[in-house]
N, C-alpha and C. Protein backbone atom coordinates (compact mmCIF):
# COMPACT_ATOMS: atom_id res chain seq x y z
N UNK A 1 23.96 -45.59 31.27
CA UNK A 1 22.38 -45.99 30.98
C UNK A 1 22.46 -46.21 32.71
N UNK A 2 21.32 -45.32 33.08
CA UNK A 2 21.15 -45.17 34.82
C UNK A 2 20.89 -46.54 35.66
N UNK A 3 21.61 -46.84 36.33
CA UNK A 3 21.64 -48.71 37.15
C UNK A 3 20.66 -48.75 38.10
N UNK A 4 19.92 -47.80 38.67
CA UNK A 4 18.89 -48.25 40.25
C UNK A 4 17.14 -48.51 40.06
N UNK A 5 17.15 -48.18 38.66
CA UNK A 5 15.55 -48.87 38.34
C UNK A 5 15.90 -49.64 36.61
N UNK A 6 15.21 -50.53 36.30
CA UNK A 6 14.62 -51.38 35.29
C UNK A 6 13.17 -51.35 35.11
N UNK A 7 13.40 -51.11 34.07
CA UNK A 7 11.96 -50.94 34.02
C UNK A 7 11.63 -52.78 32.77
N UNK A 8 10.88 -53.30 32.81
CA UNK A 8 10.43 -54.62 32.32
C UNK A 8 9.10 -54.74 31.45
N UNK A 9 8.86 -55.64 30.89
CA UNK A 9 7.75 -56.52 30.37
C UNK A 9 7.70 -57.83 29.65
N UNK A 10 6.61 -58.47 30.32
CA UNK A 10 6.75 -59.77 30.20
C UNK A 10 5.88 -59.84 28.89
N UNK A 11 6.31 -60.49 28.11
CA UNK A 11 5.75 -60.55 26.09
C UNK A 11 5.71 -61.92 26.14
N UNK A 12 4.20 -62.10 25.20
CA UNK A 12 3.43 -63.56 24.90
C UNK A 12 2.64 -63.42 24.00
N UNK A 13 3.66 -63.85 22.65
CA UNK A 13 3.31 -63.44 21.28
C UNK A 13 2.77 -62.98 21.00
N UNK A 14 3.41 -61.11 21.06
CA UNK A 14 2.72 -59.97 21.00
C UNK A 14 3.83 -59.01 20.29
N UNK A 15 4.77 -59.35 20.09
CA UNK A 15 5.80 -58.56 19.92
C UNK A 15 6.00 -57.21 18.60
N UNK A 16 4.52 -57.54 17.86
CA UNK A 16 4.15 -56.10 17.62
C UNK A 16 3.70 -55.60 18.05
N UNK A 17 2.93 -55.19 19.37
CA UNK A 17 2.78 -54.53 20.17
C UNK A 17 3.61 -53.87 20.73
N UNK A 18 4.87 -54.81 21.30
CA UNK A 18 6.13 -54.38 21.54
C UNK A 18 6.25 -53.14 20.93
N UNK A 19 7.20 -53.51 19.54
CA UNK A 19 7.45 -52.32 19.13
C UNK A 19 6.72 -51.44 18.95
N UNK A 20 5.48 -51.79 18.67
CA UNK A 20 3.99 -50.68 17.78
C UNK A 20 3.43 -49.70 18.93
N UNK A 21 2.89 -50.04 19.97
CA UNK A 21 2.99 -49.28 21.29
C UNK A 21 3.73 -49.22 22.65
N UNK A 22 4.34 -49.97 23.23
CA UNK A 22 5.53 -49.80 24.14
C UNK A 22 6.47 -48.95 24.06
N UNK A 23 7.17 -49.29 23.05
CA UNK A 23 8.29 -47.91 22.67
C UNK A 23 8.00 -46.98 22.71
N UNK A 24 6.49 -46.60 22.38
CA UNK A 24 5.81 -45.84 21.30
C UNK A 24 5.54 -44.95 22.91
N UNK A 25 4.98 -45.76 23.78
CA UNK A 25 4.24 -45.15 24.81
C UNK A 25 5.40 -44.84 26.51
N UNK A 26 6.31 -45.73 26.41
CA UNK A 26 7.21 -45.40 27.35
C UNK A 26 8.36 -45.21 27.00
N UNK A 27 8.21 -43.79 27.81
CA UNK A 27 10.03 -43.15 27.94
C UNK A 27 10.10 -43.43 28.94
N UNK A 28 12.23 -44.35 28.82
CA UNK A 28 12.46 -45.08 30.29
C UNK A 28 12.99 -44.59 30.08
N UNK A 29 13.69 -43.18 29.47
CA UNK A 29 14.72 -41.52 30.75
C UNK A 29 15.86 -41.97 30.31
N UNK A 30 16.16 -43.51 29.72
CA UNK A 30 17.97 -43.94 30.11
C UNK A 30 18.10 -44.83 31.02
N UNK A 31 16.92 -45.34 31.73
CA UNK A 31 16.55 -46.34 32.35
C UNK A 31 17.08 -47.74 31.76
N UNK A 32 17.31 -48.77 31.98
CA UNK A 32 17.63 -50.10 31.24
C UNK A 32 16.08 -50.78 31.29
N UNK A 33 15.55 -51.42 30.64
CA UNK A 33 14.48 -51.86 29.75
C UNK A 33 14.67 -53.25 29.21
N UNK A 34 13.89 -54.04 30.26
CA UNK A 34 14.10 -55.33 29.80
C UNK A 34 12.48 -56.08 29.34
N UNK A 35 13.24 -57.15 29.00
CA UNK A 35 11.98 -57.89 28.07
C UNK A 35 11.68 -59.44 28.78
N UNK A 36 11.04 -59.69 29.31
CA UNK A 36 10.82 -62.12 30.03
C UNK A 36 9.78 -61.92 28.51
N UNK A 37 10.44 -62.81 27.97
CA UNK A 37 9.67 -63.74 26.83
C UNK A 37 8.67 -64.69 27.35
N UNK A 38 7.19 -64.75 27.88
CA UNK A 38 6.70 -65.88 28.74
C UNK A 38 6.43 -67.35 27.66
N UNK A 39 6.87 -67.56 26.95
CA UNK A 39 6.42 -68.93 26.54
C UNK A 39 5.63 -68.70 25.10
N UNK A 40 6.43 -68.00 24.52
CA UNK A 40 5.82 -67.17 23.17
C UNK A 40 5.61 -68.66 22.22
N UNK A 41 5.57 -68.29 20.53
CA UNK A 41 5.43 -69.35 19.99
C UNK A 41 7.28 -69.65 19.12
N UNK A 42 7.84 -70.26 18.43
CA UNK A 42 9.10 -69.95 17.85
C UNK A 42 9.11 -69.28 17.29
N UNK A 43 7.85 -68.40 16.58
CA UNK A 43 8.26 -67.84 15.57
C UNK A 43 7.76 -66.85 16.15
N UNK A 44 6.90 -66.10 17.56
CA UNK A 44 7.03 -65.04 18.12
C UNK A 44 8.72 -64.81 18.93
N UNK A 45 9.01 -66.20 19.59
CA UNK A 45 10.03 -66.13 20.08
C UNK A 45 11.66 -65.14 19.02
N UNK A 46 11.42 -66.28 18.14
CA UNK A 46 12.60 -65.31 16.79
C UNK A 46 12.53 -63.57 16.68
N UNK A 47 10.80 -62.99 16.74
CA UNK A 47 10.67 -62.19 16.30
C UNK A 47 11.54 -61.29 17.28
N UNK A 48 10.41 -61.95 18.82
CA UNK A 48 10.76 -60.42 19.22
C UNK A 48 12.79 -60.29 20.06
N UNK A 49 13.26 -61.97 19.77
CA UNK A 49 14.75 -61.86 20.02
C UNK A 49 14.76 -60.10 19.05
N UNK A 50 14.67 -60.11 17.60
CA UNK A 50 15.11 -59.69 16.87
C UNK A 50 14.82 -58.33 17.49
N UNK A 51 13.31 -57.89 17.75
CA UNK A 51 13.33 -56.57 18.22
C UNK A 51 14.22 -55.75 19.17
N UNK A 52 14.42 -56.99 20.02
CA UNK A 52 15.29 -56.93 21.46
C UNK A 52 16.97 -56.52 20.84
N UNK A 53 16.48 -57.16 19.75
CA UNK A 53 18.19 -57.01 19.43
C UNK A 53 18.40 -55.41 18.89
N UNK A 54 17.62 -55.28 17.64
CA UNK A 54 17.68 -54.36 17.44
C UNK A 54 17.31 -52.68 18.38
N UNK A 55 17.35 -53.21 19.59
CA UNK A 55 16.62 -51.95 20.38
C UNK A 55 17.35 -52.15 21.35
N UNK A 56 18.98 -52.89 21.89
CA UNK A 56 19.55 -53.38 22.97
C UNK A 56 19.16 -53.25 23.54
N UNK A 57 18.05 -54.59 23.73
CA UNK A 57 16.86 -54.53 25.05
C UNK A 57 17.38 -56.40 25.56
N UNK A 58 17.38 -56.50 26.88
CA UNK A 58 17.85 -57.44 27.26
C UNK A 58 16.64 -58.61 27.09
N UNK A 59 17.16 -59.65 25.90
CA UNK A 59 15.56 -60.96 26.38
C UNK A 59 15.85 -62.35 27.24
N UNK A 60 14.78 -62.34 27.65
CA UNK A 60 15.01 -62.97 29.30
C UNK A 60 14.43 -64.25 28.57
N UNK A 61 14.65 -65.58 28.71
CA UNK A 61 13.00 -66.48 28.65
C UNK A 61 12.66 -66.90 29.98
N UNK A 62 11.65 -66.87 29.87
CA UNK A 62 10.39 -66.53 31.72
C UNK A 62 10.85 -68.07 31.93
N UNK A 63 11.37 -68.15 33.69
CA UNK A 63 12.01 -69.71 34.04
C UNK A 63 10.59 -70.96 33.87
N UNK A 64 9.36 -70.22 33.72
CA UNK A 64 8.00 -70.91 33.56
C UNK A 64 7.17 -69.90 32.91
N UNK A 65 5.58 -69.86 33.85
CA UNK A 65 5.10 -69.10 32.97
C UNK A 65 4.19 -68.44 33.92
N UNK A 66 3.89 -67.01 33.44
CA UNK A 66 2.64 -65.68 34.18
C UNK A 66 3.73 -65.14 34.76
N UNK A 67 2.79 -63.74 34.80
CA UNK A 67 3.69 -62.54 35.25
C UNK A 67 4.72 -62.62 36.79
N UNK A 68 4.08 -63.46 38.15
CA UNK A 68 4.88 -63.90 38.77
C UNK A 68 6.56 -64.73 38.23
N UNK A 69 6.09 -65.54 37.62
CA UNK A 69 6.97 -65.92 37.23
C UNK A 69 8.09 -65.34 36.54
N UNK A 70 8.06 -64.41 35.61
CA UNK A 70 8.68 -63.42 35.38
C UNK A 70 9.54 -62.36 35.42
N UNK A 71 8.32 -62.17 36.91
CA UNK A 71 9.55 -61.33 37.68
C UNK A 71 10.76 -61.89 38.39
N UNK A 72 10.16 -63.32 38.49
CA UNK A 72 10.89 -63.71 39.66
C UNK A 72 12.46 -64.24 38.68
N UNK A 73 11.65 -64.74 37.26
CA UNK A 73 12.32 -64.78 36.43
C UNK A 73 14.55 -63.36 36.54
N UNK A 74 12.92 -61.91 36.36
CA UNK A 74 13.98 -60.95 36.13
C UNK A 74 14.47 -60.64 37.70
N UNK A 75 14.01 -60.58 38.20
CA UNK A 75 14.89 -60.68 40.00
C UNK A 75 15.94 -61.58 40.02
N UNK A 76 16.31 -62.51 39.37
CA UNK A 76 16.85 -63.32 39.75
C UNK A 76 18.15 -63.25 38.43
N UNK A 77 18.25 -62.65 37.83
CA UNK A 77 18.92 -61.86 36.17
C UNK A 77 19.07 -60.67 36.81
N UNK A 78 18.70 -59.66 38.02
CA UNK A 78 19.47 -58.92 38.50
C UNK A 78 19.90 -58.94 39.59
N UNK A 79 19.90 -60.41 40.21
CA UNK A 79 20.51 -60.53 41.54
C UNK A 79 22.25 -61.49 40.87
N UNK A 80 22.22 -61.08 39.19
CA UNK A 80 23.75 -62.02 39.09
C UNK A 80 23.88 -60.85 38.07
N UNK A 81 23.57 -59.95 38.06
CA UNK A 81 23.81 -58.98 36.61
C UNK A 81 23.78 -57.67 36.97
N UNK A 82 22.86 -57.28 37.44
CA UNK A 82 22.83 -55.99 37.69
C UNK A 82 22.60 -55.17 39.60
N UNK A 83 23.95 -55.45 39.97
CA UNK A 83 23.47 -55.57 42.11
C UNK A 83 23.34 -53.96 41.93
N UNK A 84 23.25 -52.76 41.74
CA UNK A 84 22.63 -51.58 41.79
C UNK A 84 21.57 -51.24 41.97
N UNK A 85 20.53 -52.75 40.79
CA UNK A 85 18.79 -52.08 40.75
C UNK A 85 18.47 -51.90 42.19
N UNK A 86 17.79 -51.03 42.01
CA UNK A 86 16.91 -51.22 43.67
C UNK A 86 15.64 -51.07 43.08
N UNK A 87 15.24 -50.60 42.05
CA UNK A 87 13.12 -50.81 41.40
C UNK A 87 13.25 -51.33 40.46
N UNK A 88 11.68 -51.57 40.66
CA UNK A 88 12.18 -52.40 39.50
C UNK A 88 10.54 -52.44 39.05
N UNK A 89 9.76 -51.48 37.99
CA UNK A 89 8.67 -51.51 36.73
C UNK A 89 8.44 -52.33 36.24
N UNK A 90 6.80 -53.37 36.27
CA UNK A 90 7.10 -53.96 35.68
C UNK A 90 5.24 -53.21 34.96
N UNK A 91 5.53 -53.04 33.74
CA UNK A 91 4.66 -52.56 33.04
C UNK A 91 3.91 -54.15 32.36
N UNK A 92 2.36 -53.82 31.68
CA UNK A 92 1.77 -54.94 30.39
C UNK A 92 1.72 -53.99 29.29
N UNK A 93 1.70 -54.32 27.98
CA UNK A 93 1.62 -54.01 26.73
C UNK A 93 1.25 -52.53 26.62
N UNK A 94 0.11 -52.38 27.30
CA UNK A 94 -1.23 -51.21 27.33
C UNK A 94 -1.80 -50.96 28.43
N UNK A 95 -0.64 -50.56 29.39
CA UNK A 95 -0.44 -49.72 30.57
C UNK A 95 1.22 -49.28 30.57
N UNK A 96 0.80 -47.57 30.67
CA UNK A 96 2.25 -46.76 30.30
C UNK A 96 2.39 -45.79 31.59
N UNK A 97 3.37 -45.12 32.06
CA UNK A 97 3.44 -43.75 32.62
C UNK A 97 2.46 -43.31 32.34
N UNK A 98 1.94 -43.08 34.32
CA UNK A 98 0.76 -40.91 34.15
C UNK A 98 1.01 -39.77 33.79
N UNK A 99 2.52 -40.03 34.08
CA UNK A 99 2.96 -38.93 34.11
C UNK A 99 4.74 -38.73 33.42
N UNK A 100 5.11 -37.26 32.64
CA UNK A 100 6.35 -37.14 31.65
C UNK A 100 6.79 -37.34 33.16
N UNK A 101 8.80 -37.84 32.53
CA UNK A 101 9.52 -38.21 34.00
C UNK A 101 8.88 -39.00 34.35
N UNK A 102 8.64 -39.72 34.98
CA UNK A 102 7.88 -40.78 35.94
C UNK A 102 8.22 -41.36 36.59
N UNK A 103 9.73 -41.85 35.30
CA UNK A 103 10.61 -42.61 36.86
C UNK A 103 11.98 -41.82 37.10
N UNK A 104 11.82 -41.00 36.75
CA UNK A 104 13.02 -39.76 37.45
C UNK A 104 11.70 -39.26 38.53
């Protein structure tokens, strides 16, 4: 896995879209992809954790709510666990890279 870029989404009660849209439309090119859960319902958290486990994706629980806090939660995780990361890319579930090999 390439370690200088991390791609992430913040998910809240939309895990069907993560598995049905995001995984189909974002080619991570081998860069790490992380999901930050934004205080989803208990049932959605369970679904999200399973989807992330099945796809070898880190599942983080947001420290508070909102994309700004999801970014901070991710930055704290990176500082503790991914010291070689230089860039983070935040995507929403309905936004995708504009070109092939976007991250490269």
